[in-house]
């Protein structure tokens, strides 16, 4: 399943981690953004890896990043309209792979 997902995301010009960042932001209840620290915690990935991933997503126009008004060290990350559309386009293929793999006999 992991290989199929890697191939799927690679064909879409993303990685699994980049997809996970988008989905974690999107699925946060009652909020449009998460801080970089919150993302790092939720993804359980090293800070430098998250920072590098966010740079790619920012360069690709999939996320926004803004400094906190009360503490300039804190950055809030949200999806752009393009990021939301991209995520919505990726979800059916992702879910199909998961469903197919779950239906396979053990």
C-alpha atoms as a PDB file:
ATOM      1  CA  UNK A   1       0.000   0.000   0.000  1.00  0.00           C
ATOM      2  CA  UNK A   2       2.806   2.416   0.883  1.00  0.00           C
ATOM      3  CA  UNK A   3       4.434   1.872  -2.514  1.00  0.00           C
ATOM      4  CA  UNK A   4       1.144   2.481  -4.294  1.00  0.00           C
ATOM      5  CA  UNK A   5       0.581   5.677  -2.337  1.00  0.00           C
ATOM      6  CA  UNK A   6       4.138   6.865  -2.981  1.00  0.00           C
ATOM      7  CA  UNK A   7       3.657   6.226  -6.689  1.00  0.00           C
ATOM      8  CA  UNK A   8       0.288   7.990  -6.698  1.00  0.00           C
ATOM      9  CA  UNK A   9       1.626  11.094  -4.976  1.00  0.00           C
ATOM     10  CA  UNK A  10       4.777  11.099  -7.098  1.00  0.00           C
ATOM     11  CA  UNK A  11       2.606  11.040 -10.238  1.00  0.00           C
ATOM     12  CA  UNK A  12       0.739  14.039  -8.792  1.00  0.00           C
ATOM     13  CA  UNK A  13       3.941  15.964  -8.071  1.00  0.00           C
ATOM     14  CA  UNK A  14       3.681  15.592  -4.295  1.00  0.00           C
ATOM     15  CA  UNK A  15       4.986  13.383  -1.532  1.00  0.00           C
ATOM     16  CA  UNK A  16       3.002  11.597   1.154  1.00  0.00           C
ATOM     17  CA  UNK A  17       4.291  14.079   3.715  1.00  0.00           C
ATOM     18  CA  UNK A  18       3.186  17.075   1.655  1.00  0.00           C
ATOM     19  CA  UNK A  19      -0.235  15.492   1.262  1.00  0.00           C
ATOM     20  CA  UNK A  20      -0.398  14.828   5.005  1.00  0.00           C
ATOM     21  CA  UNK A  21       0.396  18.462   5.771  1.00  0.00           C
ATOM     22  CA  UNK A  22      -2.479  19.563   3.537  1.00  0.00           C
ATOM     23  CA  UNK A  23      -4.938  17.110   5.024  1.00  0.00           C
ATOM     24  CA  UNK A  24      -3.952  17.837   8.629  1.00  0.00           C
ATOM     25  CA  UNK A  25      -4.543  21.565   8.085  1.00  0.00           C
ATOM     26  CA  UNK A  26      -7.803  20.918   6.247  1.00  0.00           C
ATOM     27  CA  UNK A  27      -9.213  18.548   8.875  1.00  0.00           C
ATOM     28  CA  UNK A  28      -8.572  20.797  11.867  1.00  0.00           C
ATOM     29  CA  UNK A  29     -11.972  21.499  13.399  1.00  0.00           C
ATOM     30  CA  UNK A  30     -13.054  25.121  13.799  1.00  0.00           C
ATOM     31  CA  UNK A  31      -9.765  26.576  12.513  1.00  0.00           C
ATOM     32  CA  UNK A  32      -8.296  27.558   9.161  1.00  0.00           C
ATOM     33  CA  UNK A  33      -4.655  27.499  10.250  1.00  0.00           C
ATOM     34  CA  UNK A  34      -2.228  25.605  12.440  1.00  0.00           C
ATOM     35  CA  UNK A  35       1.078  26.777  13.809  1.00  0.00           C
ATOM     36  CA  UNK A  36       4.256  25.160  12.562  1.00  0.00           C
ATOM     37  CA  UNK A  37       4.689  23.663  16.040  1.00  0.00           C
ATOM     38  CA  UNK A  38       1.214  22.143  15.955  1.00  0.00           C
ATOM     39  CA  UNK A  39       1.886  20.638  12.541  1.00  0.00           C
ATOM     40  CA  UNK A  40       5.196  19.213  13.719  1.00  0.00           C
ATOM     41  CA  UNK A  41       3.488  17.640  16.716  1.00  0.00           C
ATOM     42  CA  UNK A  42       0.550  16.211  14.768  1.00  0.00           C
ATOM     43  CA  UNK A  43       2.760  14.762  12.043  1.00  0.00           C
ATOM     44  CA  UNK A  44       5.376  13.448  14.497  1.00  0.00           C
ATOM     45  CA  UNK A  45       8.128  14.508  12.109  1.00  0.00           C
ATOM     46  CA  UNK A  46      11.350  16.371  12.908  1.00  0.00           C
ATOM     47  CA  UNK A  47      11.099  20.167  12.818  1.00  0.00           C
ATOM     48  CA  UNK A  48      13.641  20.637   9.997  1.00  0.00           C
ATOM     49  CA  UNK A  49      11.755  18.149   7.822  1.00  0.00           C
ATOM     50  CA  UNK A  50       8.485  19.985   8.423  1.00  0.00           C
ATOM     51  CA  UNK A  51      10.147  23.347   7.689  1.00  0.00           C
ATOM     52  CA  UNK A  52      11.553  22.043   4.388  1.00  0.00           C
ATOM     53  CA  UNK A  53       8.191  20.518   3.452  1.00  0.00           C
ATOM     54  CA  UNK A  54       6.398  23.777   4.207  1.00  0.00           C
ATOM     55  CA  UNK A  55       8.849  25.685   1.995  1.00  0.00           C
ATOM     56  CA  UNK A  56       7.994  23.385  -0.940  1.00  0.00           C
ATOM     57  CA  UNK A  57       4.254  23.776  -0.349  1.00  0.00           C
ATOM     58  CA  UNK A  58       4.629  27.555  -0.020  1.00  0.00           C
ATOM     59  CA  UNK A  59       6.662  27.740  -3.244  1.00  0.00           C
ATOM     60  CA  UNK A  60       4.000  25.648  -4.998  1.00  0.00           C
ATOM     61  CA  UNK A  61       1.271  28.032  -3.838  1.00  0.00           C
ATOM     62  CA  UNK A  62      -0.554  25.374  -1.800  1.00  0.00           C
ATOM     63  CA  UNK A  63      -0.233  27.021   1.626  1.00  0.00           C
ATOM     64  CA  UNK A  64      -0.029  30.447   3.205  1.00  0.00           C
ATOM     65  CA  UNK A  65       2.210  31.345   6.082  1.00  0.00           C
ATOM     66  CA  UNK A  66       1.788  34.331   8.394  1.00  0.00           C
ATOM     67  CA  UNK A  67       3.519  35.469  11.563  1.00  0.00           C
ATOM     68  CA  UNK A  68       1.494  35.533  14.746  1.00  0.00           C
ATOM     69  CA  UNK A  69       0.442  39.055  15.700  1.00  0.00           C
ATOM     70  CA  UNK A  70       1.444  38.503  19.330  1.00  0.00           C
ATOM     71  CA  UNK A  71       4.658  36.519  18.838  1.00  0.00           C
ATOM     72  CA  UNK A  72       6.687  36.898  15.630  1.00  0.00           C
ATOM     73  CA  UNK A  73       8.416  33.550  16.278  1.00  0.00           C
ATOM     74  CA  UNK A  74       5.131  31.721  15.709  1.00  0.00           C
ATOM     75  CA  UNK A  75       3.973  31.100  12.142  1.00  0.00           C
ATOM     76  CA  UNK A  76       0.423  30.157  11.165  1.00  0.00           C
ATOM     77  CA  UNK A  77      -0.001  27.887   8.159  1.00  0.00           C
ATOM     78  CA  UNK A  78      -3.209  27.614   6.133  1.00  0.00           C
ATOM     79  CA  UNK A  79      -4.353  26.293   2.788  1.00  0.00           C
ATOM     80  CA  UNK A  80      -4.670  28.551  -0.219  1.00  0.00           C
ATOM     81  CA  UNK A  81      -7.674  28.157  -2.482  1.00  0.00           C
ATOM     82  CA  UNK A  82      -5.371  26.301  -4.870  1.00  0.00           C
ATOM     83  CA  UNK A  83      -4.194  24.075  -2.013  1.00  0.00           C
ATOM     84  CA  UNK A  84      -7.785  23.262  -1.079  1.00  0.00           C
ATOM     85  CA  UNK A  85      -8.640  22.462  -4.693  1.00  0.00           C
ATOM     86  CA  UNK A  86      -5.527  20.314  -5.052  1.00  0.00           C
ATOM     87  CA  UNK A  87      -6.372  18.384  -1.899  1.00  0.00           C
ATOM     88  CA  UNK A  88      -9.942  17.817  -3.066  1.00  0.00           C
ATOM     89  CA  UNK A  89      -8.626  16.519  -6.397  1.00  0.00           C
ATOM     90  CA  UNK A  90      -6.196  14.131  -4.657  1.00  0.00           C
ATOM     91  CA  UNK A  91      -8.598  12.652  -2.112  1.00  0.00           C
ATOM     92  CA  UNK A  92     -10.615  10.354  -4.428  1.00  0.00           C
ATOM     93  CA  UNK A  93      -7.479   8.609  -5.726  1.00  0.00           C
ATOM     94  CA  UNK A  94      -6.008   8.363  -2.248  1.00  0.00           C
ATOM     95  CA  UNK A  95      -9.205   6.921  -0.789  1.00  0.00           C
ATOM     96  CA  UNK A  96      -9.548   4.462  -3.696  1.00  0.00           C
ATOM     97  CA  UNK A  97      -6.068   3.088  -3.031  1.00  0.00           C
ATOM     98  CA  UNK A  98      -6.811   2.734   0.676  1.00  0.00           C
ATOM     99  CA  UNK A  99     -10.150   0.997  -0.034  1.00  0.00           C
ATOM    100  CA  UNK A 100      -8.589  -1.401  -2.565  1.00  0.00           C
ATOM    101  CA  UNK A 101      -5.776  -2.309  -0.215  1.00  0.00           C
ATOM    102  CA  UNK A 102      -8.141  -2.855   2.696  1.00  0.00           C
ATOM    103  CA  UNK A 103     -10.260  -5.221   0.569  1.00  0.00           C
ATOM    104  CA  UNK A 104      -7.279  -7.481  -0.198  1.00  0.00           C
ATOM    105  CA  UNK A 105      -7.202 -10.753   1.715  1.00  0.00           C
ATOM    106  CA  UNK A 106      -4.491 -11.061   4.348  1.00  0.00           C
END
